Protein backbone atom coordinates (compact mmCIF):
# COMPACT_ATOMS: atom_id res chain seq x y z
CA UNK A 1 54.32 16.54 10.29
CA UNK A 2 51.33 17.35 12.55
CA UNK A 3 53.48 19.13 15.17
CA UNK A 4 55.11 21.18 12.47
CA UNK A 5 51.69 22.19 11.22
CA UNK A 6 51.01 23.91 14.53
CA UNK A 7 53.78 26.35 13.63
CA UNK A 8 52.06 27.54 10.46
CA UNK A 9 51.95 31.28 10.18
CA UNK A 10 48.33 31.02 9.19
CA UNK A 11 47.60 29.50 12.58
CA UNK A 12 49.70 31.72 14.83
CA UNK A 13 47.98 33.92 17.38
CA UNK A 14 49.90 37.17 17.14
CA UNK A 15 48.41 38.40 20.39
CA UNK A 16 50.82 36.13 22.32
CA UNK A 17 54.01 38.00 23.27
CA UNK A 18 57.38 36.97 24.68
CA UNK A 19 57.98 38.21 28.27
CA UNK A 20 59.74 41.56 28.33
CA UNK A 21 63.11 41.85 30.01
CA UNK A 22 63.43 43.82 33.24
CA UNK A 23 65.27 46.65 31.53
CA UNK A 24 62.92 46.81 28.64
CA UNK A 25 59.48 46.61 30.16
CA UNK A 26 56.75 48.64 28.53
CA UNK A 27 55.32 51.63 30.29
CA UNK A 28 51.96 51.23 31.95
CA UNK A 29 49.08 52.30 29.83
CA UNK A 30 45.55 53.26 30.72
CA UNK A 31 42.65 50.80 30.43
CA UNK A 32 41.25 52.89 27.60
CA UNK A 33 44.36 52.37 25.49
CA UNK A 34 44.48 48.66 26.35
CA UNK A 35 40.92 48.26 25.13
CA UNK A 36 42.01 49.42 21.67
CA UNK A 37 44.79 46.82 21.35
CA UNK A 38 42.63 44.07 19.78
CA UNK A 39 42.09 46.39 16.80
CA UNK A 40 45.58 45.47 15.57
CA UNK A 41 45.43 43.58 12.28
CA UNK A 42 45.89 39.83 12.75
CA UNK A 43 47.60 37.63 10.20
CA UNK A 44 46.44 34.36 11.75
CA UNK A 45 43.42 32.14 11.43
CA UNK A 46 41.20 34.94 12.71
CA UNK A 47 41.44 36.48 9.25
CA UNK A 48 39.33 33.61 7.90
CA UNK A 49 36.28 35.23 9.44
CA UNK A 50 36.73 38.12 7.06
CA UNK A 51 38.64 36.53 4.18
CA UNK A 52 38.02 32.80 3.68
CA UNK A 53 39.94 31.29 0.77
CA UNK A 54 37.97 29.67 -2.04
CA UNK A 55 39.34 27.35 -4.70
CA UNK A 56 36.97 26.79 -7.64
CA UNK A 57 38.23 24.21 -10.18
CA UNK A 58 36.60 24.65 -13.60
CA UNK A 59 38.68 21.92 -15.27
CA UNK A 60 41.55 19.50 -14.71
CA UNK A 61 40.03 17.47 -11.87
CA UNK A 62 38.65 13.97 -12.47
CA UNK A 63 39.92 14.37 -16.02
CA UNK A 64 43.14 14.94 -17.94
CA UNK A 65 43.20 18.31 -19.69
CA UNK A 66 41.42 21.68 -19.85
CA UNK A 67 43.07 22.83 -16.63
CA UNK A 68 41.52 25.95 -15.11
CA UNK A 69 41.19 26.95 -11.44
CA UNK A 70 39.87 30.12 -9.79
CA UNK A 71 41.45 31.31 -6.53
CA UNK A 72 39.32 33.75 -4.51
CA UNK A 73 39.92 35.87 -1.44
CA UNK A 74 37.58 38.69 -0.40
CA UNK A 75 36.63 40.73 -3.46
CA UNK A 76 39.53 39.47 -5.57
CA UNK A 77 39.89 36.48 -7.89
CA UNK A 78 42.50 35.22 -10.32
CA UNK A 79 42.76 32.16 -12.56
CA UNK A 80 45.48 29.51 -12.72
CA UNK A 81 45.85 28.19 -16.29
CA UNK A 82 43.32 28.27 -19.10
CA UNK A 83 43.65 25.04 -21.03
CA UNK A 84 41.76 22.87 -23.46
CA UNK A 85 41.03 19.18 -23.81
CA UNK A 86 40.76 16.85 -26.76
CA UNK A 87 37.43 15.22 -27.68
CA UNK A 88 36.76 11.59 -26.82
CA UNK A 89 35.08 9.04 -29.06
CA UNK A 90 31.61 10.19 -27.97
CA UNK A 91 32.19 13.81 -29.06
CA UNK A 92 31.58 13.28 -32.77
CA UNK A 93 32.83 16.09 -34.99
CA UNK A 94 34.15 18.16 -32.06
CA UNK A 95 37.61 19.71 -32.53
CA UNK A 96 38.42 21.01 -29.04
CA UNK A 97 36.91 20.99 -25.56
CA UNK A 98 37.04 24.10 -23.34
CA UNK A 99 36.03 24.69 -19.72
CA UNK A 100 32.68 26.38 -19.07
CA UNK A 101 33.43 30.07 -18.31
CA UNK A 102 29.96 30.92 -16.96
CA UNK A 103 31.15 31.32 -13.37
CA UNK A 104 33.98 33.63 -14.42
CA UNK A 105 31.57 35.75 -16.46
CA UNK A 106 29.33 36.20 -13.42
CA UNK A 107 32.33 37.35 -11.36
CA UNK A 108 34.16 39.38 -13.99
CA UNK A 109 34.29 42.50 -11.79
CA UNK A 110 36.42 40.53 -9.29
CA UNK A 111 38.77 38.93 -11.85
CA UNK A 112 42.29 40.42 -11.67
CA UNK A 113 44.09 38.24 -14.24
CA UNK A 114 45.36 34.83 -15.32
CA UNK A 115 48.67 33.22 -14.43
CA UNK A 116 49.90 30.29 -16.55
CA UNK A 117 52.17 27.56 -15.17
CA UNK A 118 53.62 26.34 -18.51
CA UNK A 119 53.07 26.16 -22.25
CA UNK A 120 51.32 22.83 -22.82
CA UNK A 121 48.01 22.84 -24.70
CA UNK A 122 46.05 21.59 -21.70
CA UNK A 123 47.16 24.74 -19.88
CA UNK A 124 47.22 27.45 -22.61
CA UNK A 125 44.92 26.09 -25.34
CA UNK A 126 41.86 27.94 -24.03
CA UNK A 127 43.56 31.34 -23.70
CA UNK A 128 42.59 32.68 -27.18
CA UNK A 129 38.94 31.72 -26.70
CA UNK A 130 38.88 33.26 -23.22
CA UNK A 131 40.57 36.52 -24.25
CA UNK A 132 38.12 36.99 -27.12
CA UNK A 133 35.42 37.39 -24.49
CA UNK A 134 37.31 38.83 -21.49
CA UNK A 135 40.48 40.81 -22.15
CA UNK A 136 42.29 40.46 -18.80
CA UNK A 137 46.05 40.47 -18.06
CA UNK A 138 47.88 37.19 -18.61
CA UNK A 139 51.13 36.34 -16.80
CA UNK A 140 53.65 33.60 -17.61
CA UNK A 141 57.31 32.86 -18.18
CA UNK A 142 59.05 33.92 -21.39
CA UNK A 143 58.52 30.71 -23.39
CA UNK A 144 54.95 30.31 -22.15
CA UNK A 145 54.04 33.85 -23.22
CA UNK A 146 55.85 33.30 -26.54
CA UNK A 147 53.71 30.25 -27.31
CA UNK A 148 50.56 32.14 -26.30
CA UNK A 149 51.53 34.97 -28.66
CA UNK A 150 51.59 32.55 -31.58
CA UNK A 151 48.09 31.35 -30.71
CA UNK A 152 46.74 34.87 -30.40
CA UNK A 153 48.23 35.74 -33.81
CA UNK A 154 46.29 32.88 -35.40
CA UNK A 155 43.09 34.18 -33.80
CA UNK A 156 43.83 37.80 -34.75
CA UNK A 157 43.69 39.16 -31.18
CA UNK A 158 47.38 39.64 -30.28
CA UNK A 159 47.32 43.42 -30.77
CA UNK A 160 45.03 44.15 -27.81
CA UNK A 161 46.16 41.34 -25.51
CA UNK A 162 47.74 42.20 -22.15
CA UNK A 163 50.57 39.67 -21.99
CA UNK A 164 53.15 39.97 -19.20
CA UNK A 165 56.42 38.05 -18.89
CA UNK A 166 57.21 37.12 -15.31
CA UNK A 167 59.73 34.94 -13.48
CA UNK A 168 60.53 33.78 -9.93
CA UNK A 169 61.07 36.72 -7.62
CA UNK A 170 58.73 39.07 -9.53
CA UNK A 171 55.61 39.39 -7.41
CA UNK A 172 52.30 39.55 -9.30
CA UNK A 173 49.59 41.47 -7.46
CA UNK A 174 45.99 40.28 -7.65
CA UNK A 175 44.24 42.60 -5.20
CA UNK A 176 44.66 41.28 -1.66
CA UNK A 177 46.63 38.31 -3.04
CA UNK A 178 50.04 38.15 -4.67
CA UNK A 179 51.72 35.36 -6.65
CA UNK A 180 55.37 34.43 -6.99
CA UNK A 181 56.69 31.75 -9.32
CA UNK A 182 59.03 28.88 -8.50
CA UNK A 183 60.87 26.88 -11.17
CA UNK A 184 60.00 23.18 -11.55
CA UNK A 185 61.09 20.48 -14.01
CA UNK A 186 58.65 19.29 -16.65
CA UNK A 187 58.72 18.15 -20.28
CA UNK A 188 58.76 21.76 -21.48
CA UNK A 189 61.15 24.54 -20.39
CA UNK A 190 60.07 27.47 -18.22
CA UNK A 191 57.53 25.45 -16.22
CA UNK A 192 56.74 26.93 -12.82
CA UNK A 193 54.83 26.27 -9.65
CA UNK A 194 53.04 29.11 -7.86
CA UNK A 195 53.40 30.59 -4.38
CA UNK A 196 50.13 32.34 -3.54
CA UNK A 197 50.28 34.82 -0.66
CA UNK A 198 46.90 35.54 0.94
CA UNK A 199 45.85 37.30 4.17
CA UNK A 200 45.09 33.86 5.61
CA UNK A 201 48.34 32.13 4.70
CA UNK A 202 50.45 30.69 1.87
CA UNK A 203 49.04 28.43 -0.84
CA UNK A 204 51.42 26.44 -3.05
CA UNK A 205 50.45 25.05 -6.48
CA UNK A 206 53.11 22.86 -8.11
CA UNK A 207 51.80 23.04 -11.68
CA UNK A 208 52.86 19.97 -13.69
CA UNK A 209 56.24 18.84 -12.38
CA UNK A 210 58.81 16.13 -11.81
CA UNK A 211 62.21 16.15 -10.11
CA UNK A 212 65.09 16.02 -12.58
CA UNK A 213 68.51 16.45 -10.97
CA UNK A 214 70.26 17.04 -14.30
CA UNK A 215 67.75 18.67 -16.68
CA UNK A 216 68.41 19.19 -20.38
CA UNK A 217 67.78 22.93 -20.16
CA UNK A 218 67.63 25.35 -17.24
CA UNK A 219 67.91 24.67 -13.53
CA UNK A 220 66.61 21.75 -11.54
CA UNK A 221 63.43 22.19 -9.52
CA UNK A 222 63.98 24.63 -6.65
CA UNK A 223 63.61 22.17 -3.77
CA UNK A 224 65.28 24.59 -1.35
CA UNK A 225 62.54 27.16 -1.96
CA UNK A 226 59.83 24.57 -1.34
CA UNK A 227 61.56 23.62 1.92
CA UNK A 228 61.83 27.30 2.90
CA UNK A 229 58.09 27.68 2.35
CA UNK A 230 57.48 24.58 4.46
CA UNK A 231 59.43 26.14 7.32
CA UNK A 232 57.45 29.36 7.05
CA UNK A 233 54.18 27.46 6.97
CA UNK A 234 52.08 26.32 4.01
CA UNK A 235 48.35 26.57 4.54
CA UNK A 236 47.32 24.60 1.42
CA UNK A 237 49.38 22.47 -0.95
CA UNK A 238 47.97 21.67 -4.41
CA UNK A 239 50.09 19.11 -6.24
CA UNK A 240 50.18 17.34 -9.64
CA UNK A 241 48.70 13.83 -9.33
CA UNK A 242 49.13 12.40 -12.85
CA UNK A 243 51.62 9.68 -11.84
CA UNK A 244 50.43 9.18 -8.24
CA UNK A 245 49.84 5.47 -8.93
CA UNK A 246 53.42 4.86 -10.12
CA UNK A 247 56.06 3.92 -7.51
CA UNK A 248 59.58 5.30 -7.43
CA UNK A 249 60.95 8.22 -9.44
CA UNK A 250 60.30 9.37 -13.01
CA UNK A 251 63.06 8.42 -15.44
CA UNK A 252 65.25 11.46 -16.28
CA UNK A 253 65.01 12.98 -19.75
CA UNK A 254 68.71 12.41 -20.42
CA UNK A 255 68.09 8.66 -20.38
CA UNK A 256 65.89 9.12 -23.46
CA UNK A 257 68.81 10.91 -25.13
CA UNK A 258 71.03 7.91 -24.42
CA UNK A 259 68.42 5.65 -26.05
CA UNK A 260 68.36 7.96 -29.08
CA UNK A 261 72.12 7.66 -29.38
CA UNK A 262 71.96 3.83 -29.42
CA UNK A 263 69.03 3.76 -31.84
CA UNK A 264 70.51 6.34 -34.23
CA UNK A 265 73.61 4.18 -34.42
CA UNK A 266 71.44 1.10 -35.02
CA UNK A 267 69.58 2.87 -37.84
CA UNK A 268 72.68 2.70 -40.02
CA UNK A 269 71.99 4.06 -43.51
CA UNK A 270 68.21 4.30 -43.06
CA UNK A 271 66.31 7.57 -42.81
CA UNK A 272 65.28 8.33 -39.22
CA UNK A 273 61.81 9.65 -38.40
CA UNK A 274 60.99 10.60 -34.79
CA UNK A 275 57.41 11.33 -33.69
CA UNK A 276 57.02 13.27 -30.45
CA UNK A 277 54.86 15.86 -28.75
CA UNK A 278 55.51 19.22 -30.40
CA UNK A 279 55.92 20.95 -27.04
CA UNK A 280 58.61 18.56 -25.75
CA UNK A 281 61.49 20.92 -26.49
CA UNK A 282 63.92 18.92 -24.33
CA UNK A 283 63.28 15.86 -26.50
CA UNK A 284 63.71 17.88 -29.69
CA UNK A 285 67.00 19.29 -28.38
CA UNK A 286 68.36 15.80 -27.81
CA UNK A 287 67.32 14.74 -31.32
CA UNK A 288 69.17 17.78 -32.74
CA UNK A 289 72.25 17.03 -30.62
CA UNK A 290 72.38 13.44 -31.90
CA UNK A 291 71.73 14.60 -35.46
CA UNK A 292 74.82 16.81 -35.23
CA UNK A 293 76.83 13.91 -33.82
CA UNK A 294 75.83 11.59 -36.70
CA UNK A 295 76.16 14.40 -39.28
CA UNK A 296 72.50 14.35 -40.35
CA UNK A 297 70.23 17.20 -41.38
CA UNK A 298 66.91 17.75 -39.55
CA UNK A 299 63.55 18.51 -41.15
CA UNK A 300 60.38 19.30 -39.22
CA UNK A 301 56.91 18.12 -40.30
CA UNK A 302 53.56 19.07 -38.80
CA UNK A 303 52.12 22.54 -38.24
CA UNK A 304 52.26 22.56 -34.44
CA UNK A 305 55.80 21.13 -34.45
CA UNK A 306 56.96 23.78 -36.93
CA UNK A 307 55.41 26.60 -34.85
CA UNK A 308 56.86 25.45 -31.53
CA UNK A 309 60.33 24.77 -32.93
CA UNK A 310 60.44 28.19 -34.63
CA UNK A 311 59.41 29.98 -31.42
CA UNK A 312 61.84 27.95 -29.27
CA UNK A 313 64.74 28.75 -31.62
CA UNK A 314 63.74 32.43 -31.71
CA UNK A 315 63.73 32.66 -27.89
CA UNK A 316 66.91 30.63 -27.46
CA UNK A 317 65.38 27.54 -25.84
CA UNK A 318 66.64 25.35 -28.71
CA UNK A 319 70.33 25.42 -29.58
CA UNK A 320 70.69 24.49 -33.24
CA UNK A 321 74.06 24.24 -35.06
CA UNK A 322 74.23 26.29 -38.26
CA UNK A 323 73.05 24.49 -41.38
CA UNK A 324 71.47 21.52 -39.61
CA UNK A 325 67.83 22.45 -40.36
CA UNK A 326 66.45 21.88 -43.86
CA UNK A 327 62.95 22.46 -45.20
CA UNK A 328 60.62 19.47 -45.35
CA UNK A 329 59.92 20.46 -48.98
CA UNK A 330 63.59 19.97 -49.91
CA UNK A 331 64.30 16.57 -48.33
CA UNK A 332 64.39 14.85 -51.73
CA UNK A 333 67.70 16.64 -52.36
CA UNK A 334 69.44 14.79 -49.50
CA UNK A 335 70.45 11.13 -49.15
CA UNK A 336 68.19 9.23 -46.76
CA UNK A 337 71.10 8.31 -44.52
CA UNK A 338 71.74 12.01 -43.97
CA UNK A 339 68.22 12.89 -42.78
CA UNK A 340 66.21 12.96 -39.57
CA UNK A 341 62.57 14.04 -39.70
CA UNK A 342 60.90 15.25 -36.49
CA UNK A 343 57.15 14.96 -36.80
CA UNK A 344 53.82 15.22 -35.02
CA UNK A 345 51.49 12.24 -34.73
CA UNK A 346 52.78 10.35 -31.70
CA UNK A 347 49.16 9.88 -30.58
CA UNK A 348 47.95 8.51 -33.91
CA UNK A 349 45.82 11.59 -34.63
CA UNK A 350 44.12 10.96 -38.01
CA UNK A 351 45.25 14.23 -39.65
CA UNK A 352 48.76 14.35 -38.14
CA UNK A 353 51.90 14.17 -40.24
CA UNK A 354 52.83 10.65 -39.12
CA UNK A 355 49.33 9.31 -39.84
CA UNK A 356 49.50 10.83 -43.33
CA UNK A 357 52.87 9.16 -43.85
CA UNK A 358 51.39 5.82 -42.73
CA UNK A 359 48.45 6.14 -45.12
CA UNK A 360 50.61 7.28 -48.03
CA UNK A 361 49.07 10.77 -48.14
CA UNK A 362 52.02 12.89 -47.02
CA UNK A 363 53.13 15.42 -49.62
CA UNK A 364 56.86 15.01 -49.01
CA UNK A 365 57.45 11.68 -47.24
CA UNK A 366 56.85 8.21 -48.66
CA UNK A 367 57.55 5.40 -46.19
CA UNK A 368 59.71 2.49 -47.39
CA UNK A 369 61.89 -0.25 -45.92
CA UNK A 370 64.66 2.37 -45.77
CA UNK A 371 62.92 4.18 -42.90
CA UNK A 372 63.68 3.79 -39.18
CA UNK A 373 60.78 5.27 -37.18
CA UNK A 374 60.81 6.07 -33.45
CA UNK A 375 57.55 6.94 -31.68
CA UNK A 376 58.85 8.86 -28.68
CA UNK A 377 55.68 9.11 -26.60
CA UNK A 378 53.30 6.90 -24.66
CA UNK A 379 49.68 6.76 -25.80
CA UNK A 380 47.29 8.95 -23.84
CA UNK A 381 44.53 6.70 -22.38
CA UNK A 382 41.98 6.18 -25.14
CA UNK A 383 44.49 6.69 -27.98
CA UNK A 384 46.01 3.19 -27.85
CA UNK A 385 44.02 1.89 -30.81
CA UNK A 386 44.89 4.90 -32.98
CA UNK A 387 48.60 4.50 -32.21
CA UNK A 388 48.50 0.75 -32.88
CA UNK A 389 46.81 1.35 -36.24
CA UNK A 390 49.56 3.79 -37.28
CA UNK A 391 52.30 1.39 -36.13
CA UNK A 392 50.73 -1.45 -38.11
CA UNK A 393 50.38 0.68 -41.25
CA UNK A 394 54.00 1.85 -41.03
CA UNK A 395 55.21 -1.74 -40.62
CA UNK A 396 53.15 -2.89 -43.63
CA UNK A 397 55.06 -0.33 -45.69
CA UNK A 398 58.31 -2.02 -44.62
CA UNK A 399 59.56 0.47 -42.03
CA UNK A 400 61.27 -0.53 -38.80
CA UNK A 401 59.16 0.97 -35.98
CA UNK A 402 60.38 1.54 -32.42
CA UNK A 403 57.90 2.52 -29.71
CA UNK A 404 57.94 2.99 -25.94
CA UNK A 405 57.47 -0.62 -24.83
CA UNK A 406 60.50 -1.75 -26.83
CA UNK A 407 63.09 0.82 -25.71
CA UNK A 408 63.34 3.75 -23.31
CA UNK A 409 62.34 6.31 -25.93
CA UNK A 410 59.92 8.24 -23.71
CA UNK A 411 59.68 9.47 -20.15
CA UNK A 412 56.89 11.26 -18.37
CA UNK A 413 56.97 14.90 -17.34
CA UNK A 414 55.10 14.11 -14.13
CA UNK A 415 56.33 13.07 -10.69
CA UNK A 416 55.96 9.51 -9.37
CA UNK A 417 55.23 8.49 -5.78
CA UNK A 418 58.67 9.06 -4.20
CA UNK A 419 58.86 12.55 -5.72
CA UNK A 420 55.34 13.38 -4.54
CA UNK A 421 56.18 12.23 -1.01
CA UNK A 422 59.35 14.32 -1.03
CA UNK A 423 57.35 17.44 -1.93
CA UNK A 424 54.83 16.75 0.84
CA UNK A 425 57.64 16.33 3.37
CA UNK A 426 59.34 19.55 2.25
CA UNK A 427 56.25 21.76 2.26
CA UNK A 428 54.65 20.29 5.43
CA UNK A 429 51.22 21.69 4.54
CA UNK A 430 48.32 22.02 6.96
CA UNK A 431 45.83 21.18 4.21
CA UNK A 432 46.28 19.21 1.00
CA UNK A 433 44.33 19.15 -2.28
CA UNK A 434 45.59 16.81 -5.05
CA UNK A 435 45.07 18.30 -8.53
CA UNK A 436 45.58 17.43 -12.19
CA UNK A 437 44.32 13.91 -12.76
CA UNK A 438 41.45 11.49 -12.92
CA UNK A 439 39.77 10.44 -9.68
CA UNK A 440 42.00 7.37 -9.31
CA UNK A 441 45.08 9.61 -9.49
CA UNK A 442 43.69 12.11 -6.96
CA UNK A 443 42.70 9.28 -4.62
CA UNK A 444 46.14 7.64 -4.83
CA UNK A 445 47.80 10.99 -4.08
CA UNK A 446 45.53 11.57 -1.07
CA UNK A 447 46.42 8.11 0.26
CA UNK A 448 50.13 8.96 -0.08
CA UNK A 449 49.58 12.03 2.11
CA UNK A 450 47.68 9.97 4.70
CA UNK A 451 50.52 7.40 4.74
CA UNK A 452 52.86 10.26 5.69
CA UNK A 453 50.75 11.21 8.71
CA UNK A 454 48.40 13.86 7.35
CA UNK A 455 44.92 13.68 8.94
CA UNK A 456 42.25 12.65 6.39
CA UNK A 457 40.08 15.57 7.53
CA UNK A 458 42.79 17.95 6.23
CA UNK A 459 42.64 16.50 2.71
CA UNK A 460 39.99 17.25 0.12
CA UNK A 461 39.51 15.61 -3.28
CA UNK A 462 37.74 18.19 -5.41
CA UNK A 463 35.73 18.08 -8.58
CA UNK A 464 35.11 20.61 -11.33
CA UNK A 465 32.45 23.10 -10.34
CA UNK A 466 32.77 22.24 -6.65
CA UNK A 467 33.89 25.07 -4.34
CA UNK A 468 36.62 24.16 -1.85
CA UNK A 469 36.76 26.63 1.04
CA UNK A 470 39.30 27.12 3.81
CA UNK A 471 37.97 29.02 6.81
CA UNK A 472 38.15 28.97 10.61
CA UNK A 473 36.41 25.56 10.64
CA UNK A 474 39.04 23.96 8.38
CA UNK A 475 38.93 22.83 4.75
CA UNK A 476 35.70 21.54 3.25
CA UNK A 477 33.73 21.30 0.02
CA UNK A 478 31.05 23.94 -0.31
CA UNK A 479 28.46 24.66 -2.97
CA UNK A 480 28.67 24.20 -6.71
CA UNK A 481 29.05 26.60 -9.64
CA UNK A 482 28.24 26.14 -13.34
CA UNK A 483 30.87 23.95 -14.96
CA UNK A 484 31.41 21.36 -17.66
CA UNK A 485 32.47 21.33 -21.30
CA UNK A 486 32.13 23.85 -24.10
CA UNK A 487 32.69 22.29 -27.52
CA UNK A 488 34.57 23.92 -30.39
CA UNK A 489 33.46 22.67 -33.81
CA UNK A 490 35.02 24.55 -36.71
CA UNK A 491 34.45 28.25 -36.09
CA UNK A 492 31.59 27.59 -33.67
CA UNK A 493 32.27 27.84 -29.94
CA UNK A 494 29.53 26.51 -27.69
CA UNK A 495 26.95 26.02 -30.44
CA UNK A 496 27.32 22.24 -30.19
CA UNK A 497 25.76 20.79 -27.07
CA UNK A 498 24.63 17.46 -25.68
CA UNK A 499 21.52 17.38 -27.92
CA UNK A 500 23.57 17.91 -31.08
CA UNK A 501 26.05 15.23 -29.99
CA UNK A 502 23.18 12.86 -29.26
CA UNK A 503 21.77 13.43 -32.75
CA UNK A 504 25.20 12.89 -34.29
CA UNK A 505 25.56 9.65 -32.37
CA UNK A 506 22.16 8.41 -33.58
CA UNK A 507 23.06 9.35 -37.16
CA UNK A 508 26.39 7.53 -36.91
CA UNK A 509 24.82 4.39 -35.43
CA UNK A 510 21.39 3.98 -37.06
CA UNK A 511 21.23 6.50 -39.87
CA UNK A 512 18.47 8.84 -41.04
CA UNK A 513 15.02 8.49 -42.61
CA UNK A 514 13.22 11.50 -44.08
CA UNK A 515 9.46 11.49 -44.73
CA UNK A 516 8.35 14.04 -47.34
CA UNK A 517 4.67 14.92 -47.90
CA UNK A 518 2.90 17.69 -49.84
CA UNK A 519 -0.51 18.83 -48.50
CA UNK A 520 -3.12 21.18 -49.98
CA UNK A 521 -3.29 24.14 -47.60
CA UNK A 522 -7.07 24.72 -47.52
CA UNK A 523 -8.48 21.20 -47.73
CA UNK A 524 -5.65 19.39 -45.93
CA UNK A 525 -5.70 16.69 -48.61
CA UNK A 526 -2.50 14.79 -49.42
CA UNK A 527 -1.26 15.99 -52.83
CA UNK A 528 1.89 13.86 -53.11
CA UNK A 529 3.78 11.37 -51.01
CA UNK A 530 4.56 10.08 -48.59
CA UNK A 531 8.05 9.65 -50.02
CA UNK A 532 10.88 8.12 -47.97
CA UNK A 533 14.56 9.04 -48.22
CA UNK A 534 17.00 6.79 -46.34
CA UNK A 535 20.64 7.56 -45.52
CA UNK A 536 22.77 5.20 -43.46
CA UNK A 537 19.74 3.09 -42.46
CA UNK A 538 18.99 0.47 -45.13
CA UNK A 539 19.96 -0.09 -48.74
CA UNK A 540 16.76 0.95 -50.54
CA UNK A 541 16.92 -1.57 -53.40
CA UNK A 542 17.10 -4.48 -50.95
CA UNK A 543 14.42 -3.12 -48.60
CA UNK A 544 11.54 -2.23 -50.90
CA UNK A 545 8.91 -4.21 -48.93
CA UNK A 546 9.95 -2.56 -45.65
CA UNK A 547 9.69 0.91 -47.18
CA UNK A 548 6.36 0.13 -48.88
CA UNK A 549 4.91 -1.04 -45.56
CA UNK A 550 6.26 2.11 -43.92
CA UNK A 551 4.52 4.29 -46.52
CA UNK A 552 1.21 2.50 -45.91
CA UNK A 553 1.58 3.07 -42.16
CA UNK A 554 2.25 6.79 -42.68
CA UNK A 555 -0.83 7.02 -44.93
CA UNK A 556 -2.99 5.46 -42.18
CA UNK A 557 -1.65 7.88 -39.54
CA UNK A 558 -2.31 10.80 -41.87
CA UNK A 559 -5.88 9.66 -42.62
CA UNK A 560 -6.68 9.34 -38.89
CA UNK A 561 -5.41 12.89 -38.27
CA UNK A 562 -7.52 14.13 -41.19
CA UNK A 563 -10.63 12.37 -39.84
CA UNK A 564 -10.16 14.10 -36.48
CA UNK A 565 -9.84 17.41 -38.37
CA UNK A 566 -6.42 18.20 -36.85
CA UNK A 567 -5.06 21.33 -38.50
CA UNK A 568 -1.73 21.63 -36.66
CA UNK A 569 0.97 20.16 -38.92
CA UNK A 570 3.20 19.78 -35.83
CA UNK A 571 0.82 17.14 -34.45
CA UNK A 572 0.91 15.30 -37.80
CA UNK A 573 4.73 15.21 -37.62
CA UNK A 574 4.83 13.90 -34.05
CA UNK A 575 2.32 11.11 -34.71
CA UNK A 576 4.04 10.07 -37.95
CA UNK A 577 7.41 10.04 -36.23
CA UNK A 578 6.18 7.98 -33.25
CA UNK A 579 4.34 5.43 -35.37
CA UNK A 580 7.21 5.02 -37.84
CA UNK A 581 9.82 4.73 -35.06
CA UNK A 582 7.90 1.90 -33.38
CA UNK A 583 7.32 0.12 -36.69
CA UNK A 584 10.98 0.29 -37.79
CA UNK A 585 12.29 -0.84 -34.40
CA UNK A 586 9.88 -3.80 -34.41
CA UNK A 587 11.00 -4.80 -37.92
CA UNK A 588 14.77 -4.09 -37.70
CA UNK A 589 15.73 -3.44 -34.04
CA UNK A 590 17.21 -0.14 -35.25
CA UNK A 591 16.33 3.41 -34.27
CA UNK A 592 17.20 5.80 -37.11
CA UNK A 593 16.58 9.51 -36.79
CA UNK A 594 13.22 10.27 -38.42
CA UNK A 595 12.52 13.71 -39.90
CA UNK A 596 8.97 14.28 -41.22
CA UNK A 597 8.76 17.21 -43.68
CA UNK A 598 5.33 18.59 -44.63
CA UNK A 599 5.12 21.03 -47.54
CA UNK A 600 2.00 23.20 -47.92
CA UNK A 601 0.73 23.83 -51.44
């Protein structure tokens, strides 16, 4: 691999010429003309002195989700993907998590557009929020742009959006850089990798991918194109690392369809309910195909599932026989043995359709022993408990529940080790940067590259906010830019920060105590109180002595402040809060949030 790297176009010295033949020798030129020859534009490593390449990840590294990466060259910049993440257990009350766009805002005059690799939420979920602030062109394949359109409609900003449908072979210009797409296989149709042409050389970004030799829809990954790029010379290869710890190859999607066929036959006369990711159109197609085979109607439940299925049918990515779809509101009209329900909730999300079925709160579906339920997804790390709770609740209602560990009812959309090694061998990159994954995934991918002969100095494991630069000295990590998480809570974007989350955590763990006092404005005398209001801390009727002692303590603190003739109510509040906090912790080993309120009369 190392010898091949010496042939990279980014490293060629164009000043070296082949000897001229005797009959085709150039005419002699004067020394003055020869002195001007070095002014010819070079396409080799010398260009780094003028145009180093910068990669600035703002999301998607050392984490799963909210993928967003800036690519910079000279005065031009474009963004790869604009995704969102889901909140973890520490982000109380948060609905969505977005990347921090501060760096982009500071460089808006250089931003030429956004190119999206595919239509999953962790790659397109942030687009509406970004376009509300910065209306730049967005490029993607037909299905990807179709799904983005639906999101922009919900946010009321579709009319002014600059959405552009692209495909492999259609070059997208971003100033001194240009981008071509290359089809890859993933768990959603129209997924692409990116070929980024820069003055310094070619960068390749795989997007999320796996190698499927017989995909459900569309063509298999264009391995020949990747090999062609490798022969031309790839300066930097950025590759999906999600399954870098898993040996072998990813199971093909068709194998899941074969499992469906066996399970649908096993279901007999029971109603079939399948929970899956709403964006897994290949999976939905196989469910529809088997429904037609077993002469069952299909109903769809869950807002995101309904939206994606409608758009996929509209654009022709789902082939649905006439009359097979029925409304979820009309399923009572059909025998249970003639129904299949496709639903959201494979991750146990509390408000999802499957969770509502499990808790008995679904408007149209009541689970009984006549239901055969397939959860066709693996739990995202951190969601295992939620999924187990839903499975247990469904089983208590008498349903037969099938999940991943029991049968092959799910396969990943990401490449395993043998596929990753194949891509490295085809592209033969000079430099390598694993992307899309937690640190353990990035590290495992880097070790795969080293095992194939790549020098460790040519590999960089990045982090969000950390600039990765390629210049004449090689590849290295540079400075840092503002980065992190922006929280979406209801209609608020960014108005919930670490302090608010800390307060919410305290409230959820130790509760709240409010101290209310009324003070005469001129004399400073206590007119009424102190009164204590407790929420989530102690049950008042069983803690009267504790609260009485707390009131006496507050009275003492107040009297001392009055003796010292302190007139700033803020000082009163701080001293009351400190004294009460210490007292309560000593008595209960709890630390509730304490809010002193002083009313002037």
